[in-house]
Amino acid sequence: MGLGGCTNTGEGTAPARSRTPTAATVTAGPTSAAPAAARLTIKDFTFKPAALSVRPGGTVTVVNEDSTTHTVTATGPKAFDTGSIGPGRTVTFKAPGKAGSYPFICTIHPYMKGALTVR
């Protein structure tokens, strides 16, 4: 019995290769790192944007465009607190150095809520 089909004569086609992607060849879409600085505006008793992102230790600038005093105060561990920000005033604070989500409120108007994501 001969094994004629098993010899390599250099003719014919190469063996078929699998086209199944492996983990090494699968790529996700572009990712965006959080910015080093962010701006938060207070207007009409609302934080705008209500959710913002910044890098650990990044700078957050808060602009009070409202007609009354507000604060930006973390609701969890004392991660940040701007103190009172008068109408027309601007303050900055340093974001926490640890990644995570930090909900905040205005302590004068606690229905005003937002969240700072550090990533």
PDB file of N, CA and C in Angstrom:
ATOM      1  N   MET A   1       0.826  -1.159   0.000  1.00  0.00           N
ATOM      2  CA  MET A   1       0.000   0.000   0.000  1.00  0.00           C
ATOM      3  C   MET A   1       0.884   1.241   0.000  1.00  0.00           C
ATOM      4  N   GLY A   2       0.639   2.159  -0.886  1.00  0.00           N
ATOM      5  CA  GLY A   2       1.467   3.345  -0.999  1.00  0.00           C
ATOM      6  C   GLY A   2       0.823   4.551  -0.339  1.00  0.00           C
ATOM      7  N   LEU A   3       1.656   5.467   0.034  1.00  0.00           N
ATOM      8  CA  LEU A   3       1.200   6.713   0.636  1.00  0.00           C
ATOM      9  C   LEU A   3       1.534   7.868  -0.305  1.00  0.00           C
ATOM     10  N   GLY A   4       1.088   7.785  -1.499  1.00  0.00           N
ATOM     11  CA  GLY A   4       1.435   8.753  -2.531  1.00  0.00           C
ATOM     12  C   GLY A   4       1.021  10.173  -2.200  1.00  0.00           C
ATOM     13  N   GLY A   5      -0.052  10.387  -1.482  1.00  0.00           N
ATOM     14  CA  GLY A   5      -0.521  11.739  -1.188  1.00  0.00           C
ATOM     15  C   GLY A   5       0.254  12.412  -0.074  1.00  0.00           C
ATOM     16  N   CYS A   6       1.170  11.711   0.569  1.00  0.00           N
ATOM     17  CA  CYS A   6       1.869  12.268   1.719  1.00  0.00           C
ATOM     18  C   CYS A   6       3.246  12.793   1.392  1.00  0.00           C
ATOM     19  N   THR A   7       3.663  12.720   0.178  1.00  0.00           N
ATOM     20  CA  THR A   7       4.996  13.205  -0.153  1.00  0.00           C
ATOM     21  C   THR A   7       4.945  14.674  -0.516  1.00  0.00           C
ATOM     22  N   ASN A   8       6.039  15.365  -0.290  1.00  0.00           N
ATOM     23  CA  ASN A   8       6.121  16.780  -0.606  1.00  0.00           C
ATOM     24  C   ASN A   8       6.944  16.931  -1.863  1.00  0.00           C
ATOM     25  N   THR A   9       6.277  17.240  -2.948  1.00  0.00           N
ATOM     26  CA  THR A   9       6.982  17.407  -4.214  1.00  0.00           C
ATOM     27  C   THR A   9       7.188  18.873  -4.549  1.00  0.00           C
ATOM     28  N   GLY A  10       6.685  19.761  -3.663  1.00  0.00           N
ATOM     29  CA  GLY A  10       6.824  21.180  -3.945  1.00  0.00           C
ATOM     30  C   GLY A  10       5.703  21.680  -4.835  1.00  0.00           C
ATOM     31  N   GLU A  11       4.844  20.800  -5.288  1.00  0.00           N
ATOM     32  CA  GLU A  11       3.742  21.195  -6.152  1.00  0.00           C
ATOM     33  C   GLU A  11       2.457  21.230  -5.336  1.00  0.00           C
ATOM     34  N   GLY A  12       1.465  21.860  -5.859  1.00  0.00           N
ATOM     35  CA  GLY A  12       0.178  21.899  -5.177  1.00  0.00           C
ATOM     36  C   GLY A  12       0.057  23.152  -4.326  1.00  0.00           C
ATOM     37  N   THR A  13      -0.865  23.110  -3.376  1.00  0.00           N
ATOM     38  CA  THR A  13      -1.113  24.290  -2.549  1.00  0.00           C
ATOM     39  C   THR A  13      -0.626  24.055  -1.137  1.00  0.00           C
ATOM     40  N   ALA A  14      -0.355  25.135  -0.469  1.00  0.00           N
ATOM     41  CA  ALA A  14       0.066  25.064   0.933  1.00  0.00           C
ATOM     42  C   ALA A  14      -1.139  24.673   1.775  1.00  0.00           C
ATOM     43  N   PRO A  15      -0.901  24.085   2.929  1.00  0.00           N
ATOM     44  CA  PRO A  15      -2.021  23.722   3.789  1.00  0.00           C
ATOM     45  C   PRO A  15      -2.811  24.973   4.186  1.00  0.00           C
ATOM     46  N   ALA A  16      -4.107  24.812   4.320  1.00  0.00           N
ATOM     47  CA  ALA A  16      -4.965  25.942   4.697  1.00  0.00           C
ATOM     48  C   ALA A  16      -4.631  26.391   6.110  1.00  0.00           C
ATOM     49  N   ARG A  17      -4.618  27.713   6.321  1.00  0.00           N
ATOM     50  CA  ARG A  17      -4.356  28.267   7.647  1.00  0.00           C
ATOM     51  C   ARG A  17      -5.670  28.747   8.240  1.00  0.00           C
ATOM     52  N   SER A  18      -5.767  28.618   9.514  1.00  0.00           N
ATOM     53  CA  SER A  18      -6.968  29.047  10.219  1.00  0.00           C
ATOM     54  C   SER A  18      -7.071  30.563  10.189  1.00  0.00           C
ATOM     55  N   ARG A  19      -8.246  31.080   9.947  1.00  0.00           N
ATOM     56  CA  ARG A  19      -8.486  32.521   9.930  1.00  0.00           C
ATOM     57  C   ARG A  19      -9.172  32.988  11.215  1.00  0.00           C
ATOM     58  N   THR A  20      -9.262  32.109  12.195  1.00  0.00           N
ATOM     59  CA  THR A  20      -9.891  32.478  13.455  1.00  0.00           C
ATOM     60  C   THR A  20      -8.978  33.431  14.202  1.00  0.00           C
ATOM     61  N   PRO A  21      -9.475  34.621  14.564  1.00  0.00           N
ATOM     62  CA  PRO A  21      -8.603  35.564  15.283  1.00  0.00           C
ATOM     63  C   PRO A  21      -8.259  35.054  16.674  1.00  0.00           C
ATOM     64  N   THR A  22      -7.072  35.360  17.093  1.00  0.00           N
ATOM     65  CA  THR A  22      -6.657  35.006  18.444  1.00  0.00           C
ATOM     66  C   THR A  22      -6.683  36.267  19.288  1.00  0.00           C
ATOM     67  N   ALA A  23      -6.544  36.100  20.574  1.00  0.00           N
ATOM     68  CA  ALA A  23      -6.571  37.256  21.473  1.00  0.00           C
ATOM     69  C   ALA A  23      -5.487  38.261  21.104  1.00  0.00           C
ATOM     70  N   ALA A  24      -4.384  37.783  20.579  1.00  0.00           N
ATOM     71  CA  ALA A  24      -3.285  38.674  20.236  1.00  0.00           C
ATOM     72  C   ALA A  24      -3.605  39.522  19.010  1.00  0.00           C
ATOM     73  N   THR A  25      -4.529  39.052  18.150  1.00  0.00           N
ATOM     74  CA  THR A  25      -4.819  39.804  16.939  1.00  0.00           C
ATOM     75  C   THR A  25      -6.105  40.610  17.029  1.00  0.00           C
ATOM     76  N   VAL A  26      -6.879  40.422  18.071  1.00  0.00           N
ATOM     77  CA  VAL A  26      -8.113  41.182  18.224  1.00  0.00           C
ATOM     78  C   VAL A  26      -7.778  42.507  18.886  1.00  0.00           C
ATOM     79  N   THR A  27      -8.201  43.584  18.263  1.00  0.00           N
ATOM     80  CA  THR A  27      -7.928  44.894  18.845  1.00  0.00           C
ATOM     81  C   THR A  27      -9.231  45.636  19.061  1.00  0.00           C
ATOM     82  N   ALA A  28      -9.260  46.373  20.116  1.00  0.00           N
ATOM     83  CA  ALA A  28     -10.433  47.196  20.400  1.00  0.00           C
ATOM     84  C   ALA A  28     -10.278  48.517  19.675  1.00  0.00           C
ATOM     85  N   GLY A  29     -11.344  49.273  19.619  1.00  0.00           N
ATOM     86  CA  GLY A  29     -11.295  50.597  19.014  1.00  0.00           C
ATOM     87  C   GLY A  29     -10.393  51.500  19.838  1.00  0.00           C
ATOM     88  N   PRO A  30     -10.147  52.677  19.352  1.00  0.00           N
ATOM     89  CA  PRO A  30      -9.260  53.580  20.084  1.00  0.00           C
ATOM     90  C   PRO A  30      -9.833  53.924  21.458  1.00  0.00           C
ATOM     91  N   THR A  31      -8.959  54.011  22.427  1.00  0.00           N
ATOM     92  CA  THR A  31      -9.391  54.381  23.769  1.00  0.00           C
ATOM     93  C   THR A  31      -8.931  55.805  24.030  1.00  0.00           C
ATOM     94  N   SER A  32      -9.681  56.492  24.835  1.00  0.00           N
ATOM     95  CA  SER A  32      -9.280  57.854  25.144  1.00  0.00           C
ATOM     96  C   SER A  32      -8.981  57.954  26.626  1.00  0.00           C
ATOM     97  N   ALA A  33      -7.828  58.456  26.911  1.00  0.00           N
ATOM     98  CA  ALA A  33      -7.455  58.664  28.306  1.00  0.00           C
ATOM     99  C   ALA A  33      -8.200  59.889  28.814  1.00  0.00           C
ATOM    100  N   ALA A  34      -8.422  59.907  30.095  1.00  0.00           N
ATOM    101  CA  ALA A  34      -9.080  61.068  30.687  1.00  0.00           C
ATOM    102  C   ALA A  34      -8.159  62.274  30.549  1.00  0.00           C
ATOM    103  N   PRO A  35      -8.728  63.445  30.388  1.00  0.00           N
ATOM    104  CA  PRO A  35      -7.891  64.640  30.257  1.00  0.00           C
ATOM    105  C   PRO A  35      -7.209  65.002  31.572  1.00  0.00           C
ATOM    106  N   ALA A  36      -6.140  65.760  31.475  1.00  0.00           N
ATOM    107  CA  ALA A  36      -5.415  66.205  32.670  1.00  0.00           C
ATOM    108  C   ALA A  36      -6.162  67.319  33.388  1.00  0.00           C
ATOM    109  N   ALA A  37      -7.079  67.971  32.682  1.00  0.00           N
ATOM    110  CA  ALA A  37      -7.852  69.060  33.279  1.00  0.00           C
ATOM    111  C   ALA A  37      -9.296  68.972  32.812  1.00  0.00           C
ATOM    112  N   ALA A  38     -10.198  69.456  33.645  1.00  0.00           N
ATOM    113  CA  ALA A  38     -11.619  69.466  33.303  1.00  0.00           C
ATOM    114  C   ALA A  38     -12.234  70.766  33.796  1.00  0.00           C
ATOM    115  N   ARG A  39     -13.335  71.145  33.179  1.00  0.00           N
ATOM    116  CA  ARG A  39     -14.050  72.376  33.552  1.00  0.00           C
ATOM    117  C   ARG A  39     -15.476  72.015  33.940  1.00  0.00           C
ATOM    118  N   LEU A  40     -15.909  72.536  35.055  1.00  0.00           N
ATOM    119  CA  LEU A  40     -17.262  72.331  35.561  1.00  0.00           C
ATOM    120  C   LEU A  40     -17.899  73.708  35.716  1.00  0.00           C
ATOM    121  N   THR A  41     -19.049  73.899  35.088  1.00  0.00           N
ATOM    122  CA  THR A  41     -19.759  75.170  35.177  1.00  0.00           C
ATOM    123  C   THR A  41     -21.006  74.981  36.024  1.00  0.00           C
ATOM    124  N   ILE A  42     -21.294  75.961  36.853  1.00  0.00           N
ATOM    125  CA  ILE A  42     -22.529  75.958  37.637  1.00  0.00           C
ATOM    126  C   ILE A  42     -23.411  77.057  37.067  1.00  0.00           C
ATOM    127  N   LYS A  43     -24.586  76.648  36.584  1.00  0.00           N
ATOM    128  CA  LYS A  43     -25.510  77.616  35.988  1.00  0.00           C
ATOM    129  C   LYS A  43     -26.931  77.107  36.170  1.00  0.00           C
ATOM    130  N   ASP A  44     -27.839  77.993  36.549  1.00  0.00           N
ATOM    131  CA  ASP A  44     -29.246  77.634  36.759  1.00  0.00           C
ATOM    132  C   ASP A  44     -29.386  76.489  37.760  1.00  0.00           C
ATOM    133  N   PHE A  45     -28.588  76.534  38.821  1.00  0.00           N
ATOM    134  CA  PHE A  45     -28.618  75.535  39.891  1.00  0.00           C
ATOM    135  C   PHE A  45     -28.366  74.118  39.360  1.00  0.00           C
ATOM    136  N   THR A  46     -27.464  74.028  38.373  1.00  0.00           N
ATOM    137  CA  THR A  46     -27.122  72.749  37.750  1.00  0.00           C
ATOM    138  C   THR A  46     -25.620  72.701  37.500  1.00  0.00           C
ATOM    139  N   PHE A  47     -25.023  71.518  37.729  1.00  0.00           N
ATOM    140  CA  PHE A  47     -23.627  71.293  37.360  1.00  0.00           C
ATOM    141  C   PHE A  47     -23.599  70.895  35.891  1.00  0.00           C
ATOM    142  N   LYS A  48     -22.745  71.556  35.107  1.00  0.00           N
ATOM    143  CA  LYS A  48     -22.647  71.243  33.684  1.00  0.00           C
ATOM    144  C   LYS A  48     -21.194  71.032  33.312  1.00  0.00           C
ATOM    145  N   PRO A  49     -20.790  69.854  32.877  1.00  0.00           N
ATOM    146  CA  PRO A  49     -21.617  68.658  32.765  1.00  0.00           C
ATOM    147  C   PRO A  49     -21.844  68.032  34.141  1.00  0.00           C
ATOM    148  N   ALA A  50     -22.882  67.229  34.244  1.00  0.00           N
ATOM    149  CA  ALA A  50     -23.175  66.559  35.517  1.00  0.00           C
ATOM    150  C   ALA A  50     -22.175  65.441  35.792  1.00  0.00           C
ATOM    151  N   ALA A  51     -21.561  64.916  34.736  1.00  0.00           N
ATOM    152  CA  ALA A  51     -20.539  63.866  34.882  1.00  0.00           C
ATOM    153  C   ALA A  51     -19.312  64.296  34.083  1.00  0.00           C
ATOM    154  N   LEU A  52     -18.164  64.292  34.727  1.00  0.00           N
ATOM    155  CA  LEU A  52     -16.934  64.647  34.042  1.00  0.00           C
ATOM    156  C   LEU A  52     -15.819  63.711  34.470  1.00  0.00           C
ATOM    157  N   SER A  53     -14.788  63.627  33.619  1.00  0.00           N
ATOM    158  CA  SER A  53     -13.655  62.731  33.874  1.00  0.00           C
ATOM    159  C   SER A  53     -12.357  63.511  33.842  1.00  0.00           C
ATOM    160  N   VAL A  54     -11.412  63.030  34.634  1.00  0.00           N
ATOM    161  CA  VAL A  54     -10.091  63.652  34.696  1.00  0.00           C
ATOM    162  C   VAL A  54      -9.092  62.592  35.152  1.00  0.00           C
ATOM    163  N   ARG A  55      -7.835  62.803  34.859  1.00  0.00           N
ATOM    164  CA  ARG A  55      -6.775  61.891  35.310  1.00  0.00           C
ATOM    165  C   ARG A  55      -6.560  62.039  36.815  1.00  0.00           C
ATOM    166  N   PRO A  56      -5.995  61.025  37.455  1.00  0.00           N
ATOM    167  CA  PRO A  56      -5.655  61.162  38.875  1.00  0.00           C
ATOM    168  C   PRO A  56      -4.752  62.380  39.090  1.00  0.00           C
ATOM    169  N   GLY A  57      -5.115  63.199  40.053  1.00  0.00           N
ATOM    170  CA  GLY A  57      -4.341  64.399  40.344  1.00  0.00           C
ATOM    171  C   GLY A  57      -4.546  65.539  39.368  1.00  0.00           C
ATOM    172  N   GLY A  58      -5.467  65.364  38.412  1.00  0.00           N
ATOM    173  CA  GLY A  58      -5.735  66.403  37.421  1.00  0.00           C
ATOM    174  C   GLY A  58      -6.400  67.624  38.043  1.00  0.00           C
ATOM    175  N   THR A  59      -6.457  68.682  37.278  1.00  0.00           N
ATOM    176  CA  THR A  59      -7.032  69.937  37.750  1.00  0.00           C
ATOM    177  C   THR A  59      -8.474  70.072  37.288  1.00  0.00           C
ATOM    178  N   VAL A  60      -9.353  70.415  38.224  1.00  0.00           N
ATOM    179  CA  VAL A  60     -10.753  70.692  37.899  1.00  0.00           C
ATOM    180  C   VAL A  60     -10.995  72.177  38.162  1.00  0.00           C
ATOM    181  N   THR A  61     -11.438  72.883  37.141  1.00  0.00           N
ATOM    182  CA  THR A  61     -11.773  74.297  37.256  1.00  0.00           C
ATOM    183  C   THR A  61     -13.284  74.417  37.356  1.00  0.00           C
ATOM    184  N   VAL A  62     -13.745  75.113  38.376  1.00  0.00           N
ATOM    185  CA  VAL A  62     -15.181  75.298  38.607  1.00  0.00           C
ATOM    186  C   VAL A  62     -15.509  76.770  38.405  1.00  0.00           C
ATOM    187  N   VAL A  63     -16.461  77.033  37.516  1.00  0.00           N
ATOM    188  CA  VAL A  63     -16.890  78.398  37.220  1.00  0.00           C
ATOM    189  C   VAL A  63     -18.345  78.539  37.662  1.00  0.00           C
ATOM    190  N   ASN A  64     -18.594  79.460  38.581  1.00  0.00           N
ATOM    191  CA  ASN A  64     -19.954  79.699  39.061  1.00  0.00           C
ATOM    192  C   ASN A  64     -20.573  80.834  38.243  1.00  0.00           C
ATOM    193  N   GLU A  65     -21.422  80.461  37.293  1.00  0.00           N
ATOM    194  CA  GLU A  65     -22.119  81.444  36.462  1.00  0.00           C
ATOM    195  C   GLU A  65     -23.520  81.722  36.999  1.00  0.00           C
ATOM    196  N   ASP A  66     -23.778  81.279  38.211  1.00  0.00           N
ATOM    197  CA  ASP A  66     -25.095  81.455  38.820  1.00  0.00           C
ATOM    198  C   ASP A  66     -25.148  82.761  39.610  1.00  0.00           C
ATOM    199  N   SER A  67     -26.333  83.079  40.104  1.00  0.00           N
ATOM    200  CA  SER A  67     -26.526  84.323  40.849  1.00  0.00           C
ATOM    201  C   SER A  67     -26.392  84.137  42.356  1.00  0.00           C
ATOM    202  N   THR A  68     -26.001  82.940  42.779  1.00  0.00           N
ATOM    203  CA  THR A  68     -25.863  82.662  44.205  1.00  0.00           C
ATOM    204  C   THR A  68     -24.628  81.802  44.464  1.00  0.00           C
ATOM    205  N   THR A  69     -24.258  81.671  45.706  1.00  0.00           N
ATOM    206  CA  THR A  69     -23.083  80.896  46.113  1.00  0.00           C
ATOM    207  C   THR A  69     -23.379  79.401  46.058  1.00  0.00           C
ATOM    208  N   HIS A  70     -22.363  78.625  45.652  1.00  0.00           N
ATOM    209  CA  HIS A  70     -22.461  77.164  45.588  1.00  0.00           C
ATOM    210  C   HIS A  70     -21.169  76.553  46.114  1.00  0.00           C
ATOM    211  N   THR A  71     -21.185  75.224  46.294  1.00  0.00           N
ATOM    212  CA  THR A  71     -19.980  74.453  46.603  1.00  0.00           C
ATOM    213  C   THR A  71     -19.929  73.248  45.676  1.00  0.00           C
ATOM    214  N   VAL A  72     -18.765  72.646  45.574  1.00  0.00           N
ATOM    215  CA  VAL A  72     -18.595  71.347  44.920  1.00  0.00           C
ATOM    216  C   VAL A  72     -17.904  70.488  45.965  1.00  0.00           C
ATOM    217  N   THR A  73     -18.672  69.566  46.557  1.00  0.00           N
ATOM    218  CA  THR A  73     -18.196  68.796  47.701  1.00  0.00           C
ATOM    219  C   THR A  73     -18.440  67.312  47.479  1.00  0.00           C
ATOM    220  N   ALA A  74     -17.380  66.505  47.578  1.00  0.00           N
ATOM    221  CA  ALA A  74     -17.524  65.048  47.450  1.00  0.00           C
ATOM    222  C   ALA A  74     -18.428  64.531  48.560  1.00  0.00           C
ATOM    223  N   THR A  75     -19.297  63.576  48.218  1.00  0.00           N
ATOM    224  CA  THR A  75     -20.235  63.051  49.213  1.00  0.00           C
ATOM    225  C   THR A  75     -19.660  61.888  50.004  1.00  0.00           C
ATOM    226  N   GLY A  76     -18.635  61.245  49.491  1.00  0.00           N
ATOM    227  CA  GLY A  76     -18.015  60.130  50.202  1.00  0.00           C
ATOM    228  C   GLY A  76     -16.900  60.634  51.088  1.00  0.00           C
ATOM    229  N   PRO A  77     -15.818  59.856  51.145  1.00  0.00           N
ATOM    230  CA  PRO A  77     -14.658  60.318  51.915  1.00  0.00           C
ATOM    231  C   PRO A  77     -14.266  61.719  51.448  1.00  0.00           C
ATOM    232  N   LYS A  78     -13.777  62.500  52.316  1.00  0.00           N
ATOM    233  CA  LYS A  78     -13.467  63.907  52.038  1.00  0.00           C
ATOM    234  C   LYS A  78     -12.413  64.025  50.934  1.00  0.00           C
ATOM    235  N   ALA A  79     -12.810  63.705  49.703  1.00  0.00           N
ATOM    236  CA  ALA A  79     -11.882  63.716  48.579  1.00  0.00           C
ATOM    237  C   ALA A  79     -11.623  65.124  48.058  1.00  0.00           C
ATOM    238  N   PHE A  80     -12.657  65.969  48.075  1.00  0.00           N
ATOM    239  CA  PHE A  80     -12.494  67.358  47.647  1.00  0.00           C
ATOM    240  C   PHE A  80     -13.679  68.185  48.139  1.00  0.00           C
ATOM    241  N   ASP A  81     -13.420  69.456  48.340  1.00  0.00           N
ATOM    242  CA  ASP A  81     -14.444  70.412  48.762  1.00  0.00           C
ATOM    243  C   ASP A  81     -13.936  71.797  48.394  1.00  0.00           C
ATOM    244  N   THR A  82     -14.642  72.464  47.525  1.00  0.00           N
ATOM    245  CA  THR A  82     -14.198  73.786  47.073  1.00  0.00           C
ATOM    246  C   THR A  82     -14.452  74.878  48.095  1.00  0.00           C
ATOM    247  N   GLY A  83     -15.305  74.599  49.075  1.00  0.00           N
ATOM    248  CA  GLY A  83     -15.763  75.683  49.929  1.00  0.00           C
ATOM    249  C   GLY A  83     -16.734  76.532  49.130  1.00  0.00           C
ATOM    250  N   SER A  84     -17.128  77.653  49.674  1.00  0.00           N
ATOM    251  CA  SER A  84     -18.105  78.519  49.008  1.00  0.00           C
ATOM    252  C   SER A  84     -17.501  79.194  47.781  1.00  0.00           C
ATOM    253  N   ILE A  85     -18.256  79.138  46.682  1.00  0.00           N
ATOM    254  CA  ILE A  85     -17.855  79.797  45.435  1.00  0.00           C
ATOM    255  C   ILE A  85     -18.922  80.851  45.140  1.00  0.00           C
ATOM    256  N   GLY A  86     -18.561  82.100  45.279  1.00  0.00           N
ATOM    257  CA  GLY A  86     -19.512  83.183  45.053  1.00  0.00           C
ATOM    258  C   GLY A  86     -19.892  83.326  43.593  1.00  0.00           C
ATOM    259  N   PRO A  87     -20.989  84.038  43.333  1.00  0.00           N
ATOM    260  CA  PRO A  87     -21.422  84.279  41.957  1.00  0.00           C
ATOM    261  C   PRO A  87     -20.312  84.937  41.136  1.00  0.00           C
ATOM    262  N   GLY A  88     -20.117  84.427  39.920  1.00  0.00           N
ATOM    263  CA  GLY A  88     -19.102  84.990  39.034  1.00  0.00           C
ATOM    264  C   GLY A  88     -17.674  84.593  39.371  1.00  0.00           C
ATOM    265  N   ARG A  89     -17.481  83.754  40.374  1.00  0.00           N
ATOM    266  CA  ARG A  89     -16.129  83.355  40.806  1.00  0.00           C
ATOM    267  C   ARG A  89     -15.709  82.046  40.142  1.00  0.00           C
ATOM    268  N   THR A  90     -14.397  81.838  40.082  1.00  0.00           N
ATOM    269  CA  THR A  90     -13.802  80.612  39.550  1.00  0.00           C
ATOM    270  C   THR A  90     -12.821  80.075  40.570  1.00  0.00           C
ATOM    271  N   VAL A  91     -12.867  78.770  40.807  1.00  0.00           N
ATOM    272  CA  VAL A  91     -11.900  78.106  41.693  1.00  0.00           C
ATOM    273  C   VAL A  91     -11.390  76.853  40.994  1.00  0.00           C
ATOM    274  N   THR A  92     -10.249  76.370  41.453  1.00  0.00           N
ATOM    275  CA  THR A  92      -9.724  75.103  40.951  1.00  0.00           C
ATOM    276  C   THR A  92      -9.423  74.203  42.133  1.00  0.00           C
ATOM    277  N   PHE A  93      -9.484  72.897  41.876  1.00  0.00           N
ATOM    278  CA  PHE A  93      -9.058  71.930  42.881  1.00  0.00           C
ATOM    279  C   PHE A  93      -8.405  70.757  42.180  1.00  0.00           C
ATOM    280  N   LYS A  94      -7.612  70.034  42.944  1.00  0.00           N
ATOM    281  CA  LYS A  94      -6.905  68.872  42.419  1.00  0.00           C
ATOM    282  C   LYS A  94      -7.775  67.639  42.617  1.00  0.00           C
ATOM    283  N   ALA A  95      -7.963  66.863  41.545  1.00  0.00           N
ATOM    284  CA  ALA A  95      -8.743  65.629  41.619  1.00  0.00           C
ATOM    285  C   ALA A  95      -8.026  64.625  42.511  1.00  0.00           C
ATOM    286  N   PRO A  96      -8.771  63.709  43.116  1.00  0.00           N
ATOM    287  CA  PRO A  96      -8.124  62.671  43.927  1.00  0.00           C
ATOM    288  C   PRO A  96      -7.080  61.907  43.115  1.00  0.00           C
ATOM    289  N   GLY A  97      -6.080  61.401  43.791  1.00  0.00           N
ATOM    290  CA  GLY A  97      -5.011  60.658  43.138  1.00  0.00           C
ATOM    291  C   GLY A  97      -5.354  59.210  42.860  1.00  0.00           C
ATOM    292  N   LYS A  98      -6.475  58.752  43.386  1.00  0.00           N
ATOM    293  CA  LYS A  98      -6.888  57.359  43.216  1.00  0.00           C
ATOM    294  C   LYS A  98      -8.047  57.285  42.227  1.00  0.00           C
ATOM    295  N   ALA A  99      -7.945  56.368  41.253  1.00  0.00           N
ATOM    296  CA  ALA A  99      -9.015  56.185  40.272  1.00  0.00           C
ATOM    297  C   ALA A  99     -10.306  55.773  40.970  1.00  0.00           C
ATOM    298  N   GLY A 100     -11.413  56.222  40.417  1.00  0.00           N
ATOM    299  CA  GLY A 100     -12.716  55.864  40.964  1.00  0.00           C
ATOM    300  C   GLY A 100     -13.757  56.901  40.611  1.00  0.00           C
ATOM    301  N   SER A 101     -14.974  56.664  41.094  1.00  0.00           N
ATOM    302  CA  SER A 101     -16.075  57.589  40.873  1.00  0.00           C
ATOM    303  C   SER A 101     -16.336  58.350  42.163  1.00  0.00           C
ATOM    304  N   TYR A 102     -16.418  59.654  42.051  1.00  0.00           N
ATOM    305  CA  TYR A 102     -16.592  60.516  43.212  1.00  0.00           C
ATOM    306  C   TYR A 102     -17.851  61.373  43.036  1.00  0.00           C
ATOM    307  N   PRO A 103     -18.981  60.926  43.588  1.00  0.00           N
ATOM    308  CA  PRO A 103     -20.186  61.750  43.527  1.00  0.00           C
ATOM    309  C   PRO A 103     -19.973  63.037  44.322  1.00  0.00           C
ATOM    310  N   PHE A 104     -20.610  64.116  43.869  1.00  0.00           N
ATOM    311  CA  PHE A 104     -20.502  65.377  44.598  1.00  0.00           C
ATOM    312  C   PHE A 104     -21.842  66.103  44.590  1.00  0.00           C
ATOM    313  N   ILE A 105     -21.968  67.037  45.523  1.00  0.00           N
ATOM    314  CA  ILE A 105     -23.161  67.865  45.649  1.00  0.00           C
ATOM    315  C   ILE A 105     -22.740  69.299  45.938  1.00  0.00           C
ATOM    316  N   CYS A 106     -23.712  70.178  45.900  1.00  0.00           N
ATOM    317  CA  CYS A 106     -23.557  71.516  46.458  1.00  0.00           C
ATOM    318  C   CYS A 106     -24.122  71.409  47.868  1.00  0.00           C
ATOM    319  N   THR A 107     -23.319  71.684  48.881  1.00  0.00           N
ATOM    320  CA  THR A 107     -23.806  71.523  50.260  1.00  0.00           C
ATOM    321  C   THR A 107     -24.869  72.561  50.618  1.00  0.00           C
ATOM    322  N   ILE A 108     -24.921  73.654  49.891  1.00  0.00           N
ATOM    323  CA  ILE A 108     -25.943  74.675  50.129  1.00  0.00           C
ATOM    324  C   ILE A 108     -27.268  74.260  49.487  1.00  0.00           C
ATOM    325  N   HIS A 109     -27.173  73.592  48.338  1.00  0.00           N
ATOM    326  CA  HIS A 109     -28.345  73.133  47.580  1.00  0.00           C
ATOM    327  C   HIS A 109     -28.132  71.642  47.277  1.00  0.00           C
ATOM    328  N   PRO A 110     -28.382  70.747  48.246  1.00  0.00           N
ATOM    329  CA  PRO A 110     -28.010  69.334  48.096  1.00  0.00           C
ATOM    330  C   PRO A 110     -28.722  68.577  46.977  1.00  0.00           C
ATOM    331  N   TYR A 111     -29.730  69.169  46.377  1.00  0.00           N
ATOM    332  CA  TYR A 111     -30.376  68.532  45.225  1.00  0.00           C
ATOM    333  C   TYR A 111     -29.515  68.672  43.970  1.00  0.00           C
ATOM    334  N   MET A 112     -28.515  69.539  44.010  1.00  0.00           N
ATOM    335  CA  MET A 112     -27.569  69.676  42.899  1.00  0.00           C
ATOM    336  C   MET A 112     -26.533  68.565  43.031  1.00  0.00           C
ATOM    337  N   LYS A 113     -26.488  67.678  42.038  1.00  0.00           N
ATOM    338  CA  LYS A 113     -25.611  66.507  42.115  1.00  0.00           C
ATOM    339  C   LYS A 113     -24.806  66.344  40.837  1.00  0.00           C
ATOM    340  N   GLY A 114     -23.644  65.722  40.990  1.00  0.00           N
ATOM    341  CA  GLY A 114     -22.794  65.409  39.856  1.00  0.00           C
ATOM    342  C   GLY A 114     -21.851  64.284  40.230  1.00  0.00           C
ATOM    343  N   ALA A 115     -20.988  63.901  39.291  1.00  0.00           N
ATOM    344  CA  ALA A 115     -20.012  62.841  39.557  1.00  0.00           C
ATOM    345  C   ALA A 115     -18.720  63.132  38.806  1.00  0.00           C
ATOM    346  N   LEU A 116     -17.625  62.982  39.515  1.00  0.00           N
ATOM    347  CA  LEU A 116     -16.292  63.112  38.938  1.00  0.00           C
ATOM    348  C   LEU A 116     -15.706  61.715  38.839  1.00  0.00           C
ATOM    349  N   THR A 117     -15.327  61.320  37.626  1.00  0.00           N
ATOM    350  CA  THR A 117     -14.669  60.035  37.432  1.00  0.00           C
ATOM    351  C   THR A 117     -13.184  60.289  37.241  1.00  0.00           C
ATOM    352  N   VAL A 118     -12.385  59.642  38.063  1.00  0.00           N
ATOM    353  CA  VAL A 118     -10.930  59.746  37.962  1.00  0.00           C
ATOM    354  C   VAL A 118     -10.453  58.450  37.335  1.00  0.00           C
ATOM    355  N   ARG A 119      -9.807  58.577  36.148  1.00  0.00           N
ATOM    356  CA  ARG A 119      -9.320  57.377  35.449  1.00  0.00           C
ATOM    357  C   ARG A 119      -8.051  57.674  34.679  1.00  0.00           C
TER     358      ARG A 119
END
